[in-house]
Each structure stands twice: as structure tokens, then as C-alpha cells.
Amino acid sequence: MNSEWYFLNIRDEESAAAFLREKGVFHRERSCLSCRQQMQLGSRRLNGSPQWRCTNKACRARISGRTGTWFEGSRNRLSLRKAIGLILSWSDKMSSMRFCEEHLGTPSPTAVEFPYITASFKHDKILQDIASLYPPV
């Protein structure tokens, strides 16, 4: 995985969520807290934040795709697409303020609250660590 792969494959929040599900950072499946039916991951609007929606037509409860994951809380302000871009950039030692502003549309990575991530980690290792330290609950 490299920058070219990122720009070709992680085009929106939905593709970012699918990638994070594949890596074990996001839930692969969820059950509705209200009626215990299976939920489906999607978004309400184009390029919107992923949400789990209950498949039971009588219920239709929704919760954020970030709920119960490493992305819940303070990391909620950063889009999933940009978060993956920052992780990839850090792992490839391309984390200058200018690069992040021009290519990722974000401020300098030092302004973003990611625990323990340094340029010495590789992106797959980072995602594995996130998935093991902060598994979806």
C-alpha cells in the first residue's frame, strides 16, 4: 500500500469504512441495541459519515459507525479518509505540514490527536495495533 493506492482506493468515507472493517478497526457486523436485529453499514448522504442502520423496518435505529471504535470521541472530527491518509503519510515519512495541507486537506499531523503513532511504524502495523488495543466493542 502506498500513496498512489490510497488516492485510487480510499475515495470517500464509505470506502474508508470498508477498508477499516477489513483491517479489524471497525465492526464487521453489529446487532441493533433496541431489537437485536442485524444492522447494515452505510451513510445517509453522499460522502457522509458511516452509520449502522437497523434492518428491521419497524425499528430503523441508527448509530455512528465510529461508536465503540478507536475513532469514537475526540477523533470524531477527522474524516476516516483523512485519518487513513495521515497514517499512511506518517508510515511513509511524508508528514510535513505542506504535504498534509496540499494532498490530504488536513493540518499538520502534530495537530491531530493520535496516540503513540510515530514515523517509525508501518501503516499495517499501526492498523493492527489500533485493532488489537482498541477492538470494536
Protein backbone atom coordinates (compact mmCIF):
# COMPACT_ATOMS: atom_id res chain seq x y z
CA MET A 1 0.00 0.00 0.00
CA ASN A 2 1.36 3.44 -0.95
CA SER A 3 0.15 6.97 -1.69
CA GLU A 4 -0.98 6.04 -5.18
CA TRP A 5 -3.04 3.14 -3.79
CA TYR A 6 -4.58 5.47 -1.20
CA PHE A 7 -5.66 8.11 -3.71
CA LEU A 8 -7.08 5.45 -6.07
CA ASN A 9 -8.90 3.34 -3.47
CA ILE A 10 -9.89 5.49 -0.49
CA ARG A 11 -12.11 7.96 -2.34
CA ASP A 12 -14.81 8.63 0.27
CA GLU A 13 -15.97 7.78 3.77
CA GLU A 14 -17.68 4.60 2.60
CA SER A 15 -14.51 3.15 1.03
CA ALA A 16 -12.53 4.26 4.10
CA ALA A 17 -15.00 2.47 6.39
CA ALA A 18 -14.80 -0.69 4.24
CA PHE A 19 -11.00 -0.61 4.48
CA LEU A 20 -11.14 -0.17 8.27
CA ARG A 21 -13.63 -3.06 8.56
CA GLU A 22 -11.25 -5.25 6.55
CA LYS A 23 -8.37 -4.34 8.89
CA GLY A 24 -10.43 -5.06 12.03
CA VAL A 25 -10.56 -1.44 13.25
CA PHE A 26 -14.31 -1.09 12.53
CA HIS A 27 -17.00 -3.62 13.37
CA ARG A 28 -17.55 -6.23 10.70
CA GLU A 29 -21.16 -6.62 11.80
CA ARG A 30 -23.43 -5.22 14.51
CA SER A 31 -26.73 -6.06 16.15
CA CYS A 32 -29.28 -3.38 17.00
CA LEU A 33 -29.27 -2.45 20.68
CA SER A 34 -33.06 -1.98 20.60
CA CYS A 35 -34.39 -5.02 18.76
CA ARG A 36 -31.30 -7.25 18.32
CA GLN A 37 -31.73 -7.42 14.53
CA GLN A 38 -28.73 -7.22 12.23
CA MET A 39 -27.55 -3.73 11.26
CA GLN A 40 -26.19 -2.55 7.91
CA LEU A 41 -23.33 -0.06 7.46
CA GLY A 42 -23.98 2.85 5.11
CA SER A 43 -24.34 6.61 5.10
CA ARG A 44 -27.31 8.93 4.88
CA ARG A 45 -25.80 11.31 2.38
CA LEU A 46 -23.07 11.31 -0.25
CA ASN A 47 -19.67 11.19 1.45
CA GLY A 48 -21.32 11.38 4.86
CA SER A 49 -20.12 9.66 7.98
CA PRO A 50 -20.82 5.92 8.02
CA GLN A 51 -23.76 4.83 10.16
CA TRP A 52 -25.10 1.47 11.23
CA ARG A 53 -28.82 1.19 10.47
CA CYS A 54 -31.14 -1.49 11.81
CA THR A 55 -32.57 -3.68 9.05
CA ASN A 56 -35.83 -4.17 10.98
CA LYS A 57 -38.34 -1.88 9.21
CA ALA A 58 -40.26 -1.32 12.45
CA CYS A 59 -37.11 -0.13 14.24
CA ARG A 60 -34.64 1.53 11.80
CA ALA A 61 -32.39 2.65 14.70
CA ARG A 62 -29.12 4.32 13.70
CA ILE A 63 -25.75 4.66 15.40
CA SER A 64 -22.49 6.16 14.21
CA GLY A 65 -20.07 3.78 12.54
CA ARG A 66 -17.43 5.13 14.92
CA THR A 67 -19.33 4.16 18.08
CA GLY A 68 -17.37 1.62 20.10
CA THR A 69 -14.20 2.01 18.00
CA TRP A 70 -10.89 3.85 18.26
CA PHE A 71 -12.45 6.66 16.18
CA GLU A 72 -15.16 7.47 18.74
CA GLY A 73 -14.87 10.68 20.75
CA SER A 74 -12.16 13.24 20.08
CA ARG A 75 -11.07 11.58 16.85
CA ASN A 76 -14.62 12.06 15.52
CA ARG A 77 -13.72 15.43 13.96
CA LEU A 78 -11.31 13.87 11.48
CA SER A 79 -12.80 12.12 8.46
CA LEU A 80 -11.94 8.44 8.12
CA ARG A 81 -10.44 9.10 4.70
CA LYS A 82 -8.09 11.75 6.09
CA ALA A 83 -7.19 9.58 9.10
CA ILE A 84 -6.09 6.74 6.80
CA GLY A 85 -4.14 9.26 4.71
CA LEU A 86 -2.36 10.57 7.80
CA ILE A 87 -1.47 7.06 8.99
CA LEU A 88 -0.11 6.20 5.54
CA SER A 89 1.78 9.50 5.31
CA TRP A 90 3.36 9.04 8.73
CA SER A 91 4.42 5.50 7.94
CA ASP A 92 6.00 6.68 4.67
CA LYS A 93 7.65 9.67 6.41
CA MET A 94 5.65 12.18 4.35
CA SER A 95 4.11 14.11 7.20
CA SER A 96 5.24 17.67 6.58
CA MET A 97 2.66 20.39 7.16
CA ARG A 98 2.74 21.35 3.48
CA PHE A 99 2.20 17.77 2.25
CA CYS A 100 -0.73 17.19 4.60
CA GLU A 101 -2.40 20.50 3.73
CA GLU A 102 -1.97 20.08 -0.05
CA HIS A 103 -2.65 16.38 -0.50
CA LEU A 104 -4.83 15.40 2.45
CA GLY A 105 -6.59 18.67 3.22
CA THR A 106 -5.56 18.48 6.88
CA PRO A 107 -3.41 20.50 9.24
CA SER A 108 0.00 19.24 10.29
CA PRO A 109 -0.22 15.71 11.73
CA THR A 110 1.15 17.00 15.01
CA ALA A 111 -2.13 18.89 15.47
CA VAL A 112 -4.13 15.68 15.21
CA GLU A 113 -4.59 13.58 18.34
CA PHE A 114 -3.33 10.09 17.52
CA PRO A 115 -1.85 8.13 20.40
CA TYR A 116 1.67 6.69 20.08
CA ILE A 117 1.94 6.95 16.29
CA THR A 118 5.42 7.79 15.06
CA ALA A 119 7.07 7.74 11.67
CA SER A 120 8.89 4.51 12.56
CA PHE A 121 5.66 2.46 12.41
CA LYS A 122 4.38 0.99 9.18
CA HIS A 123 0.71 1.57 8.32
CA ASP A 124 -0.36 -2.09 8.59
CA LYS A 125 1.34 -2.33 11.98
CA ILE A 126 -0.46 0.83 13.10
CA LEU A 127 -3.83 -0.52 11.98
CA GLN A 128 -3.12 -3.89 13.65
CA ASP A 129 -2.15 -2.09 16.87
CA ILE A 130 -5.30 0.03 16.78
CA ALA A 131 -7.43 -3.07 16.17
CA SER A 132 -5.78 -5.02 19.00
CA LEU A 133 -5.54 -2.18 21.54
CA TYR A 134 -8.93 -0.66 20.73
CA PRO A 135 -11.07 -3.51 19.33
CA PRO A 136 -14.62 -2.60 18.34
CA VAL A 137 -16.90 -3.16 21.33
